[in-house]
Amino acid sequence: MPAATTTRSAAPLPCTCDTIVPAVLNHDGTGPGPMELLVGHTGDPHTDFELLQEGLRSRRAPVAGEPDGLGNAR
């Protein structure tokens, strides 16, 4: 079962899809995409979800005035 399907099944969010693909590749097509690299090894949907959240946070641009996780406004 693809990692996204396994991770999604642990979340209480409804979803649908038109196509399930065997793998999501990076832009060059030479390996897994960046999020797939984060979760491809765990086998645990709860760990996958936490890793994906952290991966998205680290890639998102900071918003002015938003706390930095240490209680400091940016």
N, C-alpha and C. Protein backbone atom coordinates (compact mmCIF):
# COMPACT_ATOMS: atom_id res chain seq x y z
N MET A 1 0.86 -1.18 0.00
CA MET A 1 0.00 0.00 0.00
C MET A 1 0.90 1.23 0.00
N PRO A 2 0.62 2.24 -0.86
CA PRO A 2 1.43 3.45 -0.89
C PRO A 2 1.42 4.17 0.46
N ALA A 3 2.53 4.83 0.78
CA ALA A 3 2.67 5.51 2.08
C ALA A 3 1.56 6.52 2.31
N ALA A 4 1.18 7.27 1.30
CA ALA A 4 0.13 8.27 1.47
C ALA A 4 -1.20 7.63 1.86
N THR A 5 -1.50 6.49 1.28
CA THR A 5 -2.75 5.80 1.60
C THR A 5 -2.72 5.31 3.04
N THR A 6 -1.58 4.77 3.46
CA THR A 6 -1.44 4.29 4.83
C THR A 6 -1.52 5.44 5.82
N THR A 7 -0.81 6.55 5.54
CA THR A 7 -0.81 7.71 6.43
C THR A 7 -2.20 8.31 6.49
N ARG A 8 -2.87 8.44 5.35
CA ARG A 8 -4.20 9.03 5.31
C ARG A 8 -5.20 8.19 6.08
N SER A 9 -5.04 6.90 6.07
CA SER A 9 -6.01 6.05 6.76
C SER A 9 -5.98 6.26 8.27
N ALA A 10 -4.90 6.82 8.80
CA ALA A 10 -4.80 7.07 10.23
C ALA A 10 -5.39 8.43 10.62
N ALA A 11 -5.67 9.27 9.63
CA ALA A 11 -6.20 10.61 9.90
C ALA A 11 -7.72 10.59 9.81
N PRO A 12 -8.39 11.38 10.64
CA PRO A 12 -9.86 11.41 10.63
C PRO A 12 -10.44 12.35 9.59
N LEU A 13 -9.78 12.48 8.44
CA LEU A 13 -10.24 13.40 7.41
C LEU A 13 -10.77 12.64 6.21
N PRO A 14 -11.94 13.04 5.71
CA PRO A 14 -12.45 12.37 4.52
C PRO A 14 -11.64 12.78 3.30
N CYS A 15 -11.47 11.87 2.37
CA CYS A 15 -10.77 12.21 1.13
C CYS A 15 -11.20 11.25 0.04
N THR A 16 -10.97 11.67 -1.19
CA THR A 16 -11.20 10.82 -2.34
C THR A 16 -10.03 10.99 -3.29
N CYS A 17 -9.89 10.07 -4.23
CA CYS A 17 -8.85 10.22 -5.24
C CYS A 17 -9.34 9.58 -6.53
N ASP A 18 -8.80 10.06 -7.62
CA ASP A 18 -9.13 9.50 -8.93
C ASP A 18 -8.13 8.42 -9.32
N THR A 19 -6.88 8.59 -8.88
CA THR A 19 -5.82 7.67 -9.27
C THR A 19 -4.90 7.43 -8.10
N ILE A 20 -4.52 6.19 -7.89
CA ILE A 20 -3.49 5.85 -6.92
C ILE A 20 -2.27 5.41 -7.73
N VAL A 21 -1.15 6.06 -7.50
CA VAL A 21 0.07 5.75 -8.24
C VAL A 21 1.01 4.94 -7.36
N PRO A 22 1.85 4.11 -7.94
CA PRO A 22 2.75 3.28 -7.13
C PRO A 22 3.85 4.08 -6.45
N ALA A 23 4.21 5.25 -7.00
CA ALA A 23 5.29 6.05 -6.41
C ALA A 23 5.16 7.49 -6.90
N VAL A 24 5.58 8.42 -6.04
CA VAL A 24 5.66 9.83 -6.41
C VAL A 24 7.14 10.15 -6.55
N LEU A 25 7.52 10.63 -7.73
CA LEU A 25 8.94 10.90 -7.99
C LEU A 25 9.25 12.39 -7.90
N ASN A 26 10.53 12.70 -7.74
CA ASN A 26 10.98 14.09 -7.73
C ASN A 26 10.84 14.68 -9.14
N HIS A 27 11.13 15.97 -9.27
CA HIS A 27 10.95 16.65 -10.56
C HIS A 27 11.79 16.03 -11.67
N ASP A 28 12.96 15.52 -11.33
CA ASP A 28 13.84 14.91 -12.32
C ASP A 28 13.45 13.48 -12.67
N GLY A 29 12.58 12.88 -11.87
CA GLY A 29 12.19 11.50 -12.09
C GLY A 29 13.26 10.50 -11.71
N THR A 30 14.21 10.95 -10.88
CA THR A 30 15.36 10.10 -10.53
C THR A 30 15.24 9.43 -9.17
N GLY A 31 14.18 9.75 -8.43
CA GLY A 31 14.01 9.17 -7.11
C GLY A 31 12.73 9.67 -6.48
N PRO A 32 12.48 9.26 -5.24
CA PRO A 32 11.25 9.69 -4.55
C PRO A 32 11.20 11.21 -4.37
N GLY A 33 9.98 11.73 -4.27
CA GLY A 33 9.79 13.15 -3.99
C GLY A 33 10.23 13.46 -2.57
N PRO A 34 10.38 14.75 -2.22
CA PRO A 34 10.90 15.13 -0.90
C PRO A 34 10.05 14.65 0.27
N MET A 35 8.74 14.70 0.13
CA MET A 35 7.88 14.24 1.23
C MET A 35 7.90 12.71 1.33
N GLU A 36 8.01 12.04 0.20
CA GLU A 36 8.09 10.58 0.21
C GLU A 36 9.38 10.11 0.87
N LEU A 37 10.46 10.88 0.69
CA LEU A 37 11.72 10.54 1.37
C LEU A 37 11.58 10.63 2.88
N LEU A 38 10.74 11.55 3.36
CA LEU A 38 10.54 11.70 4.80
C LEU A 38 9.87 10.49 5.44
N VAL A 39 8.94 9.87 4.71
CA VAL A 39 8.10 8.85 5.34
C VAL A 39 8.26 7.44 4.77
N GLY A 40 9.06 7.27 3.75
CA GLY A 40 9.15 5.98 3.10
C GLY A 40 9.72 4.86 3.94
N HIS A 41 10.34 5.17 5.06
CA HIS A 41 11.04 4.16 5.85
C HIS A 41 10.34 3.79 7.16
N THR A 42 9.31 4.52 7.57
CA THR A 42 8.80 4.33 8.92
C THR A 42 7.83 3.16 9.05
N GLY A 43 6.91 3.03 8.11
CA GLY A 43 5.90 1.98 8.21
C GLY A 43 4.83 2.26 9.25
N ASP A 44 4.88 3.44 9.89
CA ASP A 44 3.90 3.78 10.92
C ASP A 44 3.17 5.05 10.51
N PRO A 45 1.85 5.00 10.29
CA PRO A 45 1.13 6.17 9.82
C PRO A 45 1.17 7.36 10.78
N HIS A 46 1.21 7.12 12.07
CA HIS A 46 1.26 8.24 13.02
C HIS A 46 2.61 8.95 12.95
N THR A 47 3.67 8.19 12.86
CA THR A 47 5.01 8.77 12.70
C THR A 47 5.09 9.50 11.37
N ASP A 48 4.55 8.89 10.31
CA ASP A 48 4.55 9.53 8.99
C ASP A 48 3.87 10.89 9.06
N PHE A 49 2.71 10.95 9.72
CA PHE A 49 1.96 12.21 9.81
C PHE A 49 2.79 13.28 10.52
N GLU A 50 3.44 12.92 11.62
CA GLU A 50 4.27 13.87 12.34
C GLU A 50 5.46 14.34 11.49
N LEU A 51 6.08 13.41 10.79
CA LEU A 51 7.21 13.77 9.92
C LEU A 51 6.77 14.69 8.79
N LEU A 52 5.60 14.41 8.21
CA LEU A 52 5.08 15.26 7.14
C LEU A 52 4.77 16.66 7.65
N GLN A 53 4.16 16.76 8.84
CA GLN A 53 3.88 18.08 9.41
C GLN A 53 5.16 18.87 9.59
N GLU A 54 6.19 18.24 10.16
CA GLU A 54 7.46 18.92 10.38
C GLU A 54 8.12 19.28 9.05
N GLY A 55 8.05 18.38 8.09
CA GLY A 55 8.63 18.65 6.78
C GLY A 55 7.97 19.83 6.10
N LEU A 56 6.66 19.94 6.21
CA LEU A 56 5.95 21.08 5.63
C LEU A 56 6.28 22.37 6.37
N ARG A 57 6.36 22.31 7.70
CA ARG A 57 6.71 23.51 8.48
C ARG A 57 8.10 24.02 8.09
N SER A 58 9.03 23.12 7.90
CA SER A 58 10.41 23.54 7.61
C SER A 58 10.55 24.10 6.20
N ARG A 59 9.62 23.80 5.30
CA ARG A 59 9.68 24.29 3.93
C ARG A 59 8.84 25.54 3.70
N ARG A 60 7.98 25.85 4.65
CA ARG A 60 7.07 26.99 4.51
C ARG A 60 7.80 28.28 4.87
N ALA A 61 7.54 29.32 4.10
CA ALA A 61 8.14 30.63 4.40
C ALA A 61 7.54 31.18 5.70
N PRO A 62 8.38 31.77 6.57
CA PRO A 62 7.85 32.34 7.81
C PRO A 62 6.91 33.51 7.54
N VAL A 63 5.94 33.67 8.40
CA VAL A 63 4.97 34.76 8.31
C VAL A 63 5.30 35.77 9.39
N ALA A 64 5.34 37.06 9.02
CA ALA A 64 5.66 38.12 9.97
C ALA A 64 4.71 38.08 11.15
N GLY A 65 5.24 38.15 12.36
CA GLY A 65 4.44 38.16 13.58
C GLY A 65 4.08 36.78 14.09
N GLU A 66 4.36 35.75 13.32
CA GLU A 66 4.05 34.38 13.72
C GLU A 66 5.11 33.89 14.71
N PRO A 67 4.71 33.19 15.77
CA PRO A 67 5.70 32.66 16.71
C PRO A 67 6.65 31.69 16.01
N ASP A 68 7.89 31.66 16.44
CA ASP A 68 8.89 30.80 15.81
C ASP A 68 9.01 29.43 16.47
N GLY A 69 8.10 29.10 17.38
CA GLY A 69 8.17 27.83 18.06
C GLY A 69 8.88 27.95 19.40
N LEU A 70 9.55 29.06 19.60
CA LEU A 70 10.24 29.33 20.87
C LEU A 70 9.56 30.45 21.63
N GLY A 71 8.41 30.89 21.12
CA GLY A 71 7.67 31.97 21.77
C GLY A 71 8.06 33.34 21.29
N ASN A 72 8.94 33.42 20.29
CA ASN A 72 9.38 34.71 19.76
C ASN A 72 8.61 35.02 18.48
N ALA A 73 8.13 36.27 18.37
CA ALA A 73 7.47 36.67 17.13
C ALA A 73 8.53 36.91 16.06
N ARG A 74 8.23 36.54 14.84
CA ARG A 74 9.17 36.75 13.72
C ARG A 74 9.01 38.13 13.16
